[in-house]
C-alpha atoms as a PDB file:
ATOM      1  CA  UNK A   1     151.287-156.031  85.381  1.00  0.00           C
ATOM      2  CA  UNK A   2     151.906-153.737  82.400  1.00  0.00           C
ATOM      3  CA  UNK A   3     152.900-150.888  84.709  1.00  0.00           C
ATOM      4  CA  UNK A   4     155.541-153.129  86.273  1.00  0.00           C
ATOM      5  CA  UNK A   5     156.896-154.094  82.843  1.00  0.00           C
ATOM      6  CA  UNK A   6     157.085-150.455  81.794  1.00  0.00           C
ATOM      7  CA  UNK A   7     158.853-149.552  85.031  1.00  0.00           C
ATOM      8  CA  UNK A   8     161.432-152.299  84.581  1.00  0.00           C
ATOM      9  CA  UNK A   9     161.930-151.361  80.910  1.00  0.00           C
ATOM     10  CA  UNK A  10     162.465-147.694  81.798  1.00  0.00           C
ATOM     11  CA  UNK A  11     164.927-148.659  84.518  1.00  0.00           C
ATOM     12  CA  UNK A  12     166.903-150.857  82.124  1.00  0.00           C
ATOM     13  CA  UNK A  13     166.898-148.105  79.483  1.00  0.00           C
ATOM     14  CA  UNK A  14     168.139-145.600  82.063  1.00  0.00           C
ATOM     15  CA  UNK A  15     171.062-147.780  83.106  1.00  0.00           C
ATOM     16  CA  UNK A  16     171.958-148.619  79.512  1.00  0.00           C
ATOM     17  CA  UNK A  17     171.877-144.900  78.751  1.00  0.00           C
ATOM     18  CA  UNK A  18     174.177-144.129  81.672  1.00  0.00           C
ATOM     19  CA  UNK A  19     176.597-146.843  80.568  1.00  0.00           C
ATOM     20  CA  UNK A  20     176.626-145.866  76.903  1.00  0.00           C
ATOM     21  CA  UNK A  21     176.829-142.139  77.575  1.00  0.00           C
ATOM     22  CA  UNK A  22     180.360-142.501  78.899  1.00  0.00           C
ATOM     23  CA  UNK A  23     181.344-144.702  75.966  1.00  0.00           C
ATOM     24  CA  UNK A  24     179.857-142.690  73.100  1.00  0.00           C
ATOM     25  CA  UNK A  25     180.296-139.120  74.378  1.00  0.00           C
ATOM     26  CA  UNK A  26     183.347-137.653  76.074  1.00  0.00           C
ATOM     27  CA  UNK A  27     181.348-135.248  78.274  1.00  0.00           C
ATOM     28  CA  UNK A  28     178.041-133.394  78.389  1.00  0.00           C
ATOM     29  CA  UNK A  29     179.410-130.630  76.147  1.00  0.00           C
ATOM     30  CA  UNK A  30     180.128-133.233  73.459  1.00  0.00           C
ATOM     31  CA  UNK A  31     176.568-134.538  73.843  1.00  0.00           C
ATOM     32  CA  UNK A  32     175.092-131.050  73.465  1.00  0.00           C
ATOM     33  CA  UNK A  33     177.326-130.475  70.445  1.00  0.00           C
ATOM     34  CA  UNK A  34     175.908-133.639  68.873  1.00  0.00           C
ATOM     35  CA  UNK A  35     172.358-132.460  69.608  1.00  0.00           C
ATOM     36  CA  UNK A  36     173.138-129.099  68.009  1.00  0.00           C
ATOM     37  CA  UNK A  37     174.468-130.734  64.863  1.00  0.00           C
ATOM     38  CA  UNK A  38     171.493-133.095  64.722  1.00  0.00           C
ATOM     39  CA  UNK A  39     169.078-130.158  64.854  1.00  0.00           C
ATOM     40  CA  UNK A  40     170.981-128.112  62.267  1.00  0.00           C
ATOM     41  CA  UNK A  41     169.850-128.689  58.674  1.00  0.00           C
ATOM     42  CA  UNK A  42     172.501-130.472  56.619  1.00  0.00           C
ATOM     43  CA  UNK A  43     172.602-127.736  54.004  1.00  0.00           C
ATOM     44  CA  UNK A  44     173.760-125.218  56.635  1.00  0.00           C
ATOM     45  CA  UNK A  45     176.524-127.576  57.734  1.00  0.00           C
ATOM     46  CA  UNK A  46     177.532-128.033  54.111  1.00  0.00           C
ATOM     47  CA  UNK A  47     177.883-124.290  53.561  1.00  0.00           C
ATOM     48  CA  UNK A  48     179.863-123.932  56.798  1.00  0.00           C
ATOM     49  CA  UNK A  49     182.245-126.713  55.745  1.00  0.00           C
ATOM     50  CA  UNK A  50     181.160-128.969  58.614  1.00  0.00           C
ATOM     51  CA  UNK A  51     179.126-131.522  56.688  1.00  0.00           C
ATOM     52  CA  UNK A  52     181.151-134.619  57.597  1.00  0.00           C
ATOM     53  CA  UNK A  53     181.421-133.526  61.244  1.00  0.00           C
ATOM     54  CA  UNK A  54     177.632-133.091  61.213  1.00  0.00           C
ATOM     55  CA  UNK A  55     177.126-136.577  59.791  1.00  0.00           C
ATOM     56  CA  UNK A  56     179.430-138.175  62.370  1.00  0.00           C
ATOM     57  CA  UNK A  57     177.916-136.419  65.361  1.00  0.00           C
ATOM     58  CA  UNK A  58     174.365-136.993  64.164  1.00  0.00           C
ATOM     59  CA  UNK A  59     175.167-140.687  63.727  1.00  0.00           C
ATOM     60  CA  UNK A  60     176.568-140.937  67.266  1.00  0.00           C
ATOM     61  CA  UNK A  61     173.441-139.327  68.725  1.00  0.00           C
ATOM     62  CA  UNK A  62     171.144-141.541  66.656  1.00  0.00           C
ATOM     63  CA  UNK A  63     173.052-144.689  67.645  1.00  0.00           C
ATOM     64  CA  UNK A  64     172.788-143.670  71.306  1.00  0.00           C
ATOM     65  CA  UNK A  65     169.042-143.058  71.071  1.00  0.00           C
ATOM     66  CA  UNK A  66     168.409-146.311  69.200  1.00  0.00           C
ATOM     67  CA  UNK A  67     170.445-148.311  71.723  1.00  0.00           C
ATOM     68  CA  UNK A  68     168.672-146.799  74.731  1.00  0.00           C
ATOM     69  CA  UNK A  69     165.201-147.007  73.203  1.00  0.00           C
ATOM     70  CA  UNK A  70     165.854-150.476  71.846  1.00  0.00           C
ATOM     71  CA  UNK A  71     167.032-151.802  75.185  1.00  0.00           C
ATOM     72  CA  UNK A  72     163.886-150.531  76.854  1.00  0.00           C
ATOM     73  CA  UNK A  73     161.629-151.880  74.116  1.00  0.00           C
ATOM     74  CA  UNK A  74     163.325-155.268  74.074  1.00  0.00           C
ATOM     75  CA  UNK A  75     163.107-155.499  77.855  1.00  0.00           C
ATOM     76  CA  UNK A  76     159.394-154.721  77.764  1.00  0.00           C
ATOM     77  CA  UNK A  77     158.787-157.172  74.929  1.00  0.00           C
ATOM     78  CA  UNK A  78     160.831-159.877  76.649  1.00  0.00           C
ATOM     79  CA  UNK A  79     158.994-159.521  79.937  1.00  0.00           C
ATOM     80  CA  UNK A  80     155.655-159.410  78.160  1.00  0.00           C
ATOM     81  CA  UNK A  81     156.381-162.601  76.219  1.00  0.00           C
ATOM     82  CA  UNK A  82     157.932-164.498  79.144  1.00  0.00           C
ATOM     83  CA  UNK A  83     155.527-163.575  81.921  1.00  0.00           C
ATOM     84  CA  UNK A  84     152.568-162.454  79.884  1.00  0.00           C
END
C-alpha cells in the first residue's frame, strides 16, 4: 500500500510542479537563471552588484521547491492517515 501512496504523492507533486512552473517562472531560461543564482555564493553576487536579484531569484526557486515537495508530502501523509 505504501508504494501506491508514494506513486500518488509523486503524481500530485508532478502536476503541482507543472502548474506552478508557469506561474512562478516565465520560461525555462528564467528557471535556469534562478538555479544559477541559487548555486552562486551570495558574496560573489554582492561583489557583482546583483545581491538583491540573487535574493529574489533564490527565493522564487526555494518557494517552488517547497510547494512541490510539500504537496507531495502532504498528499502522502493525508493518504497514510486516511487509509492507513
